[in-house]
Amino acid sequence: MSFLDHVRHCNAYSLADFVPFRVGSARVGWIRRPLTLELMRFGSLFHVFEDLVHLNPDLRTAEERTEAVDQALSALRGDGLVGRLRGERYAVMERPGTEVLIEMDRGAVTQFGIVNLGFHLTGVVGHGPDTRMWIARRALDKTTYPGHLDNMVAGGHPAGLTPRQNLLKECAEEAGIPEALAESAVPVSMISYTMEVPEGLRRHAFWSYDLQVPVEFTPEPVDGEVDSFTLMDIDDVACIVETSDAFKYNCNLVVIDWLMRTGRIDPAHPDFHELSVGLHQPWP
């Protein structure tokens, strides 16, 4: 195991079994070929070709598209062809900052290869060699990566919220961080990757925030997403990432990014260039 192994793991994919998913002229996702055949049951909603799936262009607004696709997702979920629907929608767009063309339940975005936005927050105490980092342990009953280590706060980005609104919401819900403290978090980078998984294609991008945490503040689990928080020496955190899979897969990237930005992984490291490039990969 190494830092580079984590980066390569998150950037491993092949498009050989996927076709583009388009809304209008925008390519918004990638769908595995077997699933495209299942979409044919919905008549004119999806125009399915050998090398393309196109949403019905007669659906003119994001609201019309969302309503129609919601009904299809419910049917697909009933047959076990998409993940558990969460009741929380993500904005579907060609790339961040462009027009929202549709909203889709987060439980189906991987099957449709939709760009999945979110954020991760790194909370540190102290400066220099005495810096320590707050590490969360995911709840033992979570459906994904139970008991794994995690960044101090993280969350997907629901439709209808700004990045700052979502940051403040999740900081309060996951760690009991007061709004005044959460407001001081600084956006420092955006990490992006494409990862093939059994469900489909994860095209993820998340804002990375740094938060200087006062020594007297201790985060507390609030909404049940986190089992506990531990304040750890930086060297211990780096060692865990470099030698194990104890962290949830993408949280490793956040720690690596922080170690590079603070000079703890410096240009003399043999993998410095590949790490730098791998943390900020464009999507297919």
C-alpha atoms as a PDB file:
ATOM      1  CA  MET A   1       0.000   0.000   0.000  1.00  0.00           C
ATOM      2  CA  SER A   2       1.164   3.547  -0.742  1.00  0.00           C
ATOM      3  CA  PHE A   3      -0.198   7.040  -1.264  1.00  0.00           C
ATOM      4  CA  LEU A   4      -0.135   6.411  -4.994  1.00  0.00           C
ATOM      5  CA  ASP A   5      -2.093   3.165  -4.660  1.00  0.00           C
ATOM      6  CA  HIS A   6      -5.034   5.112  -3.218  1.00  0.00           C
ATOM      7  CA  VAL A   7      -4.933   7.665  -6.033  1.00  0.00           C
ATOM      8  CA  ARG A   8      -4.732   4.986  -8.713  1.00  0.00           C
ATOM      9  CA  HIS A   9      -7.578   3.050  -7.103  1.00  0.00           C
ATOM     10  CA  CYS A  10      -9.870   6.068  -7.420  1.00  0.00           C
ATOM     11  CA  ASN A  11      -8.892   6.652 -11.039  1.00  0.00           C
ATOM     12  CA  ALA A  12      -9.342   3.103 -12.352  1.00  0.00           C
ATOM     13  CA  TYR A  13     -11.987   2.704 -15.068  1.00  0.00           C
ATOM     14  CA  SER A  14     -12.669   1.636 -18.628  1.00  0.00           C
ATOM     15  CA  LEU A  15     -15.429   3.010 -20.846  1.00  0.00           C
ATOM     16  CA  ALA A  16     -15.535  -0.117 -22.999  1.00  0.00           C
ATOM     17  CA  ASP A  17     -18.911  -1.219 -21.564  1.00  0.00           C
ATOM     18  CA  PHE A  18     -20.439   2.266 -21.215  1.00  0.00           C
ATOM     19  CA  VAL A  19     -22.307   4.577 -23.567  1.00  0.00           C
ATOM     20  CA  PRO A  20     -22.846   8.336 -23.139  1.00  0.00           C
ATOM     21  CA  PHE A  21     -26.069   9.662 -21.635  1.00  0.00           C
ATOM     22  CA  ARG A  22     -27.169  12.985 -23.123  1.00  0.00           C
ATOM     23  CA  VAL A  23     -29.758  15.576 -22.241  1.00  0.00           C
ATOM     24  CA  GLY A  24     -30.066  17.867 -25.220  1.00  0.00           C
ATOM     25  CA  SER A  25     -26.553  18.518 -26.500  1.00  0.00           C
ATOM     26  CA  ALA A  26     -24.980  17.994 -23.058  1.00  0.00           C
ATOM     27  CA  ARG A  27     -23.283  14.722 -22.178  1.00  0.00           C
ATOM     28  CA  VAL A  28     -24.261  14.330 -18.536  1.00  0.00           C
ATOM     29  CA  GLY A  29     -23.396  10.713 -17.794  1.00  0.00           C
ATOM     30  CA  TRP A  30     -22.288   7.237 -18.816  1.00  0.00           C
ATOM     31  CA  ILE A  31     -24.506   4.135 -18.638  1.00  0.00           C
ATOM     32  CA  ARG A  32     -23.502   0.483 -18.811  1.00  0.00           C
ATOM     33  CA  ARG A  33     -24.814  -1.264 -21.923  1.00  0.00           C
ATOM     34  CA  PRO A  34     -26.957  -3.855 -20.074  1.00  0.00           C
ATOM     35  CA  LEU A  35     -28.809  -1.063 -18.269  1.00  0.00           C
ATOM     36  CA  THR A  36     -29.461   0.768 -21.533  1.00  0.00           C
ATOM     37  CA  LEU A  37     -31.456  -2.244 -22.715  1.00  0.00           C
ATOM     38  CA  GLU A  38     -33.622  -2.021 -19.598  1.00  0.00           C
ATOM     39  CA  LEU A  39     -34.332   1.643 -20.376  1.00  0.00           C
ATOM     40  CA  MET A  40     -36.075   0.662 -23.599  1.00  0.00           C
ATOM     41  CA  ARG A  41     -39.125  -0.442 -21.592  1.00  0.00           C
ATOM     42  CA  PHE A  42     -39.951   3.224 -20.910  1.00  0.00           C
ATOM     43  CA  GLY A  43     -40.926   3.924 -24.484  1.00  0.00           C
ATOM     44  CA  SER A  44     -39.959   7.353 -25.753  1.00  0.00           C
ATOM     45  CA  LEU A  45     -38.534   8.582 -22.428  1.00  0.00           C
ATOM     46  CA  PHE A  46     -35.078   7.280 -23.322  1.00  0.00           C
ATOM     47  CA  HIS A  47     -33.953   7.118 -26.937  1.00  0.00           C
ATOM     48  CA  VAL A  48     -31.609   4.128 -26.820  1.00  0.00           C
ATOM     49  CA  PHE A  49     -29.035   3.610 -29.568  1.00  0.00           C
ATOM     50  CA  GLU A  50     -26.079   1.263 -29.805  1.00  0.00           C
ATOM     51  CA  ASP A  51     -23.621   3.954 -28.767  1.00  0.00           C
ATOM     52  CA  LEU A  52     -25.826   6.550 -27.029  1.00  0.00           C
ATOM     53  CA  VAL A  53     -28.768   7.100 -24.700  1.00  0.00           C
ATOM     54  CA  HIS A  54     -30.631  10.369 -25.195  1.00  0.00           C
ATOM     55  CA  LEU A  55     -33.368  11.687 -22.925  1.00  0.00           C
ATOM     56  CA  ASN A  56     -36.560  12.569 -24.775  1.00  0.00           C
ATOM     57  CA  PRO A  57     -35.983  16.108 -26.176  1.00  0.00           C
ATOM     58  CA  ASP A  58     -39.713  16.836 -25.907  1.00  0.00           C
ATOM     59  CA  LEU A  59     -39.179  17.264 -22.174  1.00  0.00           C
ATOM     60  CA  ARG A  60     -38.341  20.949 -22.213  1.00  0.00           C
ATOM     61  CA  THR A  61     -37.740  21.867 -18.568  1.00  0.00           C
ATOM     62  CA  ALA A  62     -35.704  20.466 -15.693  1.00  0.00           C
ATOM     63  CA  GLU A  63     -38.952  19.938 -13.768  1.00  0.00           C
ATOM     64  CA  GLU A  64     -40.523  17.867 -16.572  1.00  0.00           C
ATOM     65  CA  ARG A  65     -37.387  15.769 -16.966  1.00  0.00           C
ATOM     66  CA  THR A  66     -37.072  15.209 -13.215  1.00  0.00           C
ATOM     67  CA  GLU A  67     -40.663  14.034 -12.842  1.00  0.00           C
ATOM     68  CA  ALA A  68     -40.418  11.629 -15.771  1.00  0.00           C
ATOM     69  CA  VAL A  69     -37.080  10.164 -14.700  1.00  0.00           C
ATOM     70  CA  ASP A  70     -38.267   9.806 -11.091  1.00  0.00           C
ATOM     71  CA  GLN A  71     -41.020   7.474 -12.269  1.00  0.00           C
ATOM     72  CA  ALA A  72     -38.561   5.404 -14.291  1.00  0.00           C
ATOM     73  CA  LEU A  73     -36.138   5.167 -11.358  1.00  0.00           C
ATOM     74  CA  SER A  74     -38.898   3.874  -9.092  1.00  0.00           C
ATOM     75  CA  ALA A  75     -39.625   1.093 -11.568  1.00  0.00           C
ATOM     76  CA  LEU A  76     -35.935   0.257 -11.979  1.00  0.00           C
ATOM     77  CA  ARG A  77     -35.482   0.176  -8.222  1.00  0.00           C
ATOM     78  CA  GLY A  78     -38.419  -2.191  -7.921  1.00  0.00           C
ATOM     79  CA  ASP A  79     -36.534  -4.619 -10.154  1.00  0.00           C
ATOM     80  CA  GLY A  80     -33.234  -4.092  -8.298  1.00  0.00           C
ATOM     81  CA  LEU A  81     -31.561  -2.376 -11.262  1.00  0.00           C
ATOM     82  CA  VAL A  82     -30.571   0.823  -9.437  1.00  0.00           C
ATOM     83  CA  GLY A  83     -29.475   1.456  -5.873  1.00  0.00           C
ATOM     84  CA  ARG A  84     -31.680   2.272  -2.905  1.00  0.00           C
ATOM     85  CA  LEU A  85     -33.383   5.581  -3.605  1.00  0.00           C
ATOM     86  CA  ARG A  86     -32.516   8.095  -0.895  1.00  0.00           C
ATOM     87  CA  GLY A  87     -35.150  10.792  -1.348  1.00  0.00           C
ATOM     88  CA  GLU A  88     -32.364  13.335  -1.858  1.00  0.00           C
ATOM     89  CA  ARG A  89     -31.694  14.727  -5.308  1.00  0.00           C
ATOM     90  CA  TYR A  90     -28.461  15.766  -6.959  1.00  0.00           C
ATOM     91  CA  ALA A  91     -28.271  18.342  -9.725  1.00  0.00           C
ATOM     92  CA  VAL A  92     -27.454  16.862 -13.126  1.00  0.00           C
ATOM     93  CA  MET A  93     -25.317  19.081 -15.336  1.00  0.00           C
ATOM     94  CA  GLU A  94     -22.582  18.720 -17.912  1.00  0.00           C
ATOM     95  CA  ARG A  95     -19.989  20.144 -15.536  1.00  0.00           C
ATOM     96  CA  PRO A  96     -20.058  22.209 -12.326  1.00  0.00           C
ATOM     97  CA  GLY A  97     -21.318  25.733 -12.855  1.00  0.00           C
ATOM     98  CA  THR A  98     -23.416  24.958 -15.920  1.00  0.00           C
ATOM     99  CA  GLU A  99     -27.196  24.759 -16.239  1.00  0.00           C
ATOM    100  CA  VAL A 100     -29.019  22.198 -14.104  1.00  0.00           C
ATOM    101  CA  LEU A 101     -30.768  20.024 -16.687  1.00  0.00           C
ATOM    102  CA  ILE A 102     -32.455  17.543 -14.358  1.00  0.00           C
ATOM    103  CA  GLU A 103     -32.402  16.446 -10.722  1.00  0.00           C
ATOM    104  CA  MET A 104     -31.818  12.782  -9.934  1.00  0.00           C
ATOM    105  CA  ASP A 105     -32.064  10.747  -6.745  1.00  0.00           C
ATOM    106  CA  ARG A 106     -28.581  10.271  -5.345  1.00  0.00           C
ATOM    107  CA  GLY A 107     -29.155   6.515  -5.125  1.00  0.00           C
ATOM    108  CA  ALA A 108     -29.091   6.250  -8.938  1.00  0.00           C
ATOM    109  CA  VAL A 109     -26.345   8.667  -9.946  1.00  0.00           C
ATOM    110  CA  THR A 110     -23.624   6.007 -10.141  1.00  0.00           C
ATOM    111  CA  GLN A 111     -25.684   3.787 -12.455  1.00  0.00           C
ATOM    112  CA  PHE A 112     -26.156   6.763 -14.767  1.00  0.00           C
ATOM    113  CA  GLY A 113     -22.564   8.003 -14.392  1.00  0.00           C
ATOM    114  CA  ILE A 114     -23.699  11.460 -13.262  1.00  0.00           C
ATOM    115  CA  VAL A 115     -21.173  13.971 -11.905  1.00  0.00           C
ATOM    116  CA  ASN A 116     -21.438  13.698  -8.132  1.00  0.00           C
ATOM    117  CA  LEU A 117     -20.450  16.821  -6.183  1.00  0.00           C
ATOM    118  CA  GLY A 118     -19.720  17.142  -2.473  1.00  0.00           C
ATOM    119  CA  PHE A 119     -17.198  18.395   0.037  1.00  0.00           C
ATOM    120  CA  HIS A 120     -14.707  17.127   2.612  1.00  0.00           C
ATOM    121  CA  LEU A 121     -13.470  19.180   5.537  1.00  0.00           C
ATOM    122  CA  THR A 122     -10.098  18.689   7.223  1.00  0.00           C
ATOM    123  CA  GLY A 123     -10.093  19.920  10.803  1.00  0.00           C
ATOM    124  CA  VAL A 124      -6.712  20.539  12.421  1.00  0.00           C
ATOM    125  CA  VAL A 125      -5.540  21.770  15.797  1.00  0.00           C
ATOM    126  CA  GLY A 126      -2.234  23.624  16.212  1.00  0.00           C
ATOM    127  CA  HIS A 127       0.467  24.514  13.731  1.00  0.00           C
ATOM    128  CA  GLY A 128       3.757  23.195  12.407  1.00  0.00           C
ATOM    129  CA  PRO A 129       5.177  19.976  13.850  1.00  0.00           C
ATOM    130  CA  ASP A 130       2.595  19.997  16.644  1.00  0.00           C
ATOM    131  CA  THR A 131      -0.396  19.894  14.261  1.00  0.00           C
ATOM    132  CA  ARG A 132      -3.042  17.290  15.009  1.00  0.00           C
ATOM    133  CA  MET A 133      -6.014  16.278  12.884  1.00  0.00           C
ATOM    134  CA  TRP A 134      -9.570  15.406  13.881  1.00  0.00           C
ATOM    135  CA  ILE A 135     -10.508  12.026  12.389  1.00  0.00           C
ATOM    136  CA  ALA A 136     -14.031  10.626  12.348  1.00  0.00           C
ATOM    137  CA  ARG A 137     -14.933   6.961  12.543  1.00  0.00           C
ATOM    138  CA  ARG A 138     -18.003   6.176  10.478  1.00  0.00           C
ATOM    139  CA  ALA A 139     -20.993   4.725  12.280  1.00  0.00           C
ATOM    140  CA  LEU A 140     -20.882   0.955  12.575  1.00  0.00           C
ATOM    141  CA  ASP A 141     -24.383   0.622  11.115  1.00  0.00           C
ATOM    142  CA  LYS A 142     -23.798   2.693   7.972  1.00  0.00           C
ATOM    143  CA  THR A 143     -24.652   0.897   4.751  1.00  0.00           C
ATOM    144  CA  THR A 144     -21.387   2.048   3.127  1.00  0.00           C
ATOM    145  CA  TYR A 145     -17.940   1.632   4.681  1.00  0.00           C
ATOM    146  CA  PRO A 146     -19.150   1.104   8.257  1.00  0.00           C
ATOM    147  CA  GLY A 147     -16.469   1.680  10.868  1.00  0.00           C
ATOM    148  CA  HIS A 148     -13.961   3.132   8.412  1.00  0.00           C
ATOM    149  CA  LEU A 149     -12.024   6.287   9.218  1.00  0.00           C
ATOM    150  CA  ASP A 150     -13.217   9.508   7.607  1.00  0.00           C
ATOM    151  CA  ASN A 151     -12.433  13.199   7.415  1.00  0.00           C
ATOM    152  CA  MET A 152     -13.839  15.435  10.140  1.00  0.00           C
ATOM    153  CA  VAL A 153     -16.941  16.287   8.087  1.00  0.00           C
ATOM    154  CA  ALA A 154     -18.012  15.287   4.569  1.00  0.00           C
ATOM    155  CA  GLY A 155     -21.178  15.185   2.545  1.00  0.00           C
ATOM    156  CA  GLY A 156     -22.736  15.026  -0.883  1.00  0.00           C
ATOM    157  CA  HIS A 157     -24.164  18.161  -2.430  1.00  0.00           C
ATOM    158  CA  PRO A 158     -27.991  18.184  -2.607  1.00  0.00           C
ATOM    159  CA  ALA A 159     -29.739  20.161  -5.291  1.00  0.00           C
ATOM    160  CA  GLY A 160     -30.909  23.599  -4.200  1.00  0.00           C
ATOM    161  CA  LEU A 161     -28.087  24.422  -1.765  1.00  0.00           C
ATOM    162  CA  THR A 162     -24.987  26.525  -2.287  1.00  0.00           C
ATOM    163  CA  PRO A 163     -21.643  24.946  -1.339  1.00  0.00           C
ATOM    164  CA  ARG A 164     -21.434  27.178   1.739  1.00  0.00           C
ATOM    165  CA  GLN A 165     -24.982  26.333   2.861  1.00  0.00           C
ATOM    166  CA  ASN A 166     -24.267  22.633   2.544  1.00  0.00           C
ATOM    167  CA  LEU A 167     -20.989  23.002   4.441  1.00  0.00           C
ATOM    168  CA  LEU A 168     -22.688  24.716   7.386  1.00  0.00           C
ATOM    169  CA  LYS A 169     -25.533  22.195   7.413  1.00  0.00           C
ATOM    170  CA  GLU A 170     -23.278  19.145   7.451  1.00  0.00           C
ATOM    171  CA  CYS A 171     -20.869  20.615  10.001  1.00  0.00           C
ATOM    172  CA  ALA A 172     -23.763  21.076  12.420  1.00  0.00           C
ATOM    173  CA  GLU A 173     -25.404  17.721  11.668  1.00  0.00           C
ATOM    174  CA  GLU A 174     -22.329  15.483  11.684  1.00  0.00           C
ATOM    175  CA  ALA A 175     -20.018  17.070  14.229  1.00  0.00           C
ATOM    176  CA  GLY A 176     -21.923  19.724  16.173  1.00  0.00           C
ATOM    177  CA  ILE A 177     -19.675  22.472  14.814  1.00  0.00           C
ATOM    178  CA  PRO A 178     -21.182  25.909  15.579  1.00  0.00           C
ATOM    179  CA  GLU A 179     -21.969  28.041  12.551  1.00  0.00           C
ATOM    180  CA  ALA A 180     -19.520  30.748  13.608  1.00  0.00           C
ATOM    181  CA  LEU A 181     -16.671  28.230  13.607  1.00  0.00           C
ATOM    182  CA  ALA A 182     -17.772  26.465  10.425  1.00  0.00           C
ATOM    183  CA  GLU A 183     -17.898  29.842   8.651  1.00  0.00           C
ATOM    184  CA  SER A 184     -14.130  30.118   9.106  1.00  0.00           C
ATOM    185  CA  ALA A 185     -13.479  27.023   6.956  1.00  0.00           C
ATOM    186  CA  VAL A 186     -11.364  27.890   3.916  1.00  0.00           C
ATOM    187  CA  PRO A 187     -11.901  26.261   0.489  1.00  0.00           C
ATOM    188  CA  VAL A 188      -8.461  25.146  -0.671  1.00  0.00           C
ATOM    189  CA  SER A 189      -8.862  22.768  -3.605  1.00  0.00           C
ATOM    190  CA  MET A 190     -11.190  20.567  -5.616  1.00  0.00           C
ATOM    191  CA  ILE A 191     -10.436  16.864  -5.899  1.00  0.00           C
ATOM    192  CA  SER A 192     -11.867  14.910  -8.831  1.00  0.00           C
ATOM    193  CA  TYR A 193     -11.660  11.366 -10.158  1.00  0.00           C
ATOM    194  CA  THR A 194     -13.506   8.727 -12.167  1.00  0.00           C
ATOM    195  CA  MET A 195     -13.837   5.250 -10.671  1.00  0.00           C
ATOM    196  CA  GLU A 196     -15.504   2.168 -12.095  1.00  0.00           C
ATOM    197  CA  VAL A 197     -17.469   0.156  -9.528  1.00  0.00           C
ATOM    198  CA  PRO A 198     -19.934  -2.734  -9.851  1.00  0.00           C
ATOM    199  CA  GLU A 199     -22.855  -0.276  -9.791  1.00  0.00           C
ATOM    200  CA  GLY A 200     -21.518   1.855 -12.622  1.00  0.00           C
ATOM    201  CA  LEU A 201     -19.245   4.876 -12.947  1.00  0.00           C
ATOM    202  CA  ARG A 202     -18.415   7.227 -10.089  1.00  0.00           C
ATOM    203  CA  ARG A 203     -17.533  10.649 -11.475  1.00  0.00           C
ATOM    204  CA  HIS A 204     -16.827  12.515  -8.279  1.00  0.00           C
ATOM    205  CA  ALA A 205     -15.656  16.015  -7.508  1.00  0.00           C
ATOM    206  CA  PHE A 206     -15.578  17.559  -4.074  1.00  0.00           C
ATOM    207  CA  TRP A 207     -14.510  20.838  -2.602  1.00  0.00           C
ATOM    208  CA  SER A 208     -11.825  20.454   0.033  1.00  0.00           C
ATOM    209  CA  TYR A 209     -11.964  22.787   3.034  1.00  0.00           C
ATOM    210  CA  ASP A 210      -9.456  23.400   5.823  1.00  0.00           C
ATOM    211  CA  LEU A 211     -10.689  24.346   9.280  1.00  0.00           C
ATOM    212  CA  GLN A 212      -8.448  25.556  12.088  1.00  0.00           C
ATOM    213  CA  VAL A 213     -10.124  24.116  15.176  1.00  0.00           C
ATOM    214  CA  PRO A 214      -9.654  25.763  18.585  1.00  0.00           C
ATOM    215  CA  VAL A 215      -7.944  23.493  21.089  1.00  0.00           C
ATOM    216  CA  GLU A 216     -10.899  23.801  23.462  1.00  0.00           C
ATOM    217  CA  PHE A 217     -13.453  22.524  20.912  1.00  0.00           C
ATOM    218  CA  THR A 218     -14.333  18.824  20.681  1.00  0.00           C
ATOM    219  CA  PRO A 219     -16.625  17.601  17.876  1.00  0.00           C
ATOM    220  CA  GLU A 220     -19.543  15.406  18.878  1.00  0.00           C
ATOM    221  CA  PRO A 221     -21.576  12.977  16.731  1.00  0.00           C
ATOM    222  CA  VAL A 222     -25.061  14.418  16.225  1.00  0.00           C
ATOM    223  CA  ASP A 223     -26.995  12.706  13.428  1.00  0.00           C
ATOM    224  CA  GLY A 224     -25.676   9.166  13.789  1.00  0.00           C
ATOM    225  CA  GLU A 225     -23.422   9.263  10.725  1.00  0.00           C
ATOM    226  CA  VAL A 226     -20.302   9.192  12.909  1.00  0.00           C
ATOM    227  CA  ASP A 227     -19.450   6.779  15.711  1.00  0.00           C
ATOM    228  CA  SER A 228     -16.680   8.851  17.296  1.00  0.00           C
ATOM    229  CA  PHE A 229     -14.003  11.492  16.745  1.00  0.00           C
ATOM    230  CA  THR A 230     -10.301  11.142  17.577  1.00  0.00           C
ATOM    231  CA  LEU A 231      -7.640  13.851  17.599  1.00  0.00           C
ATOM    232  CA  MET A 232      -4.568  12.257  16.009  1.00  0.00           C
ATOM    233  CA  ASP A 233      -0.965  13.246  15.384  1.00  0.00           C
ATOM    234  CA  ILE A 234      -0.338  14.076  11.744  1.00  0.00           C
ATOM    235  CA  ASP A 235       2.420  11.488  11.436  1.00  0.00           C
ATOM    236  CA  ASP A 236       0.007   8.800  12.630  1.00  0.00           C
ATOM    237  CA  VAL A 237      -2.655   9.872  10.133  1.00  0.00           C
ATOM    238  CA  ALA A 238      -0.114   9.870   7.286  1.00  0.00           C
ATOM    239  CA  CYS A 239       1.125   6.421   8.291  1.00  0.00           C
ATOM    240  CA  ILE A 240      -2.402   4.985   8.330  1.00  0.00           C
ATOM    241  CA  VAL A 241      -3.101   6.336   4.840  1.00  0.00           C
ATOM    242  CA  GLU A 242       0.237   5.193   3.425  1.00  0.00           C
ATOM    243  CA  THR A 243       0.067   1.666   4.803  1.00  0.00           C
ATOM    244  CA  SER A 244      -3.591   0.626   5.003  1.00  0.00           C
ATOM    245  CA  ASP A 245      -7.195   0.822   3.818  1.00  0.00           C
ATOM    246  CA  ALA A 246      -8.500   2.005   7.189  1.00  0.00           C
ATOM    247  CA  PHE A 247      -9.932   5.205   5.686  1.00  0.00           C
ATOM    248  CA  LYS A 248     -12.911   5.269   3.351  1.00  0.00           C
ATOM    249  CA  TYR A 249     -11.421   5.172  -0.134  1.00  0.00           C
ATOM    250  CA  ASN A 250     -11.793   8.848  -1.160  1.00  0.00           C
ATOM    251  CA  CYS A 251     -10.906  10.255   2.253  1.00  0.00           C
ATOM    252  CA  ASN A 252      -7.365   9.081   1.574  1.00  0.00           C
ATOM    253  CA  LEU A 253      -7.197  11.591  -1.283  1.00  0.00           C
ATOM    254  CA  VAL A 254      -8.150  14.445   1.043  1.00  0.00           C
ATOM    255  CA  VAL A 255      -5.388  13.560   3.485  1.00  0.00           C
ATOM    256  CA  ILE A 256      -2.859  13.186   0.669  1.00  0.00           C
ATOM    257  CA  ASP A 257      -3.892  16.568  -0.740  1.00  0.00           C
ATOM    258  CA  TRP A 258      -3.435  18.168   2.701  1.00  0.00           C
ATOM    259  CA  LEU A 259      -0.022  16.526   3.169  1.00  0.00           C
ATOM    260  CA  MET A 260       1.105  17.881  -0.200  1.00  0.00           C
ATOM    261  CA  ARG A 261      -0.243  21.374   0.363  1.00  0.00           C
ATOM    262  CA  THR A 262       1.534  21.618   3.721  1.00  0.00           C
ATOM    263  CA  GLY A 263       4.846  20.276   2.434  1.00  0.00           C
ATOM    264  CA  ARG A 264       4.743  16.983   4.300  1.00  0.00           C
ATOM    265  CA  ILE A 265       4.825  15.233   0.946  1.00  0.00           C
ATOM    266  CA  ASP A 266       7.366  17.363  -0.896  1.00  0.00           C
ATOM    267  CA  PRO A 267       8.678  17.457  -4.492  1.00  0.00           C
ATOM    268  CA  ALA A 268      11.455  15.029  -3.597  1.00  0.00           C
ATOM    269  CA  HIS A 269       8.859  12.268  -3.147  1.00  0.00           C
ATOM    270  CA  PRO A 270       9.193   9.875  -6.117  1.00  0.00           C
ATOM    271  CA  ASP A 271       5.432   9.927  -6.771  1.00  0.00           C
ATOM    272  CA  PHE A 272       4.938  13.670  -6.320  1.00  0.00           C
ATOM    273  CA  HIS A 273       3.993  14.386  -9.943  1.00  0.00           C
ATOM    274  CA  GLU A 274       1.624  11.451 -10.361  1.00  0.00           C
ATOM    275  CA  LEU A 275      -0.031  12.233  -7.040  1.00  0.00           C
ATOM    276  CA  SER A 276      -0.503  15.872  -8.068  1.00  0.00           C
ATOM    277  CA  VAL A 277      -2.088  14.938 -11.382  1.00  0.00           C
ATOM    278  CA  GLY A 278      -4.146  12.081  -9.974  1.00  0.00           C
ATOM    279  CA  LEU A 279      -5.897  14.230  -7.384  1.00  0.00           C
ATOM    280  CA  HIS A 280      -7.365  16.516 -10.037  1.00  0.00           C
ATOM    281  CA  GLN A 281      -8.358  14.326 -12.964  1.00  0.00           C
ATOM    282  CA  PRO A 282     -10.803  15.575 -15.627  1.00  0.00           C
ATOM    283  CA  TRP A 283     -13.837  13.370 -16.209  1.00  0.00           C
ATOM    284  CA  PRO A 284     -14.543  11.458 -19.389  1.00  0.00           C
END
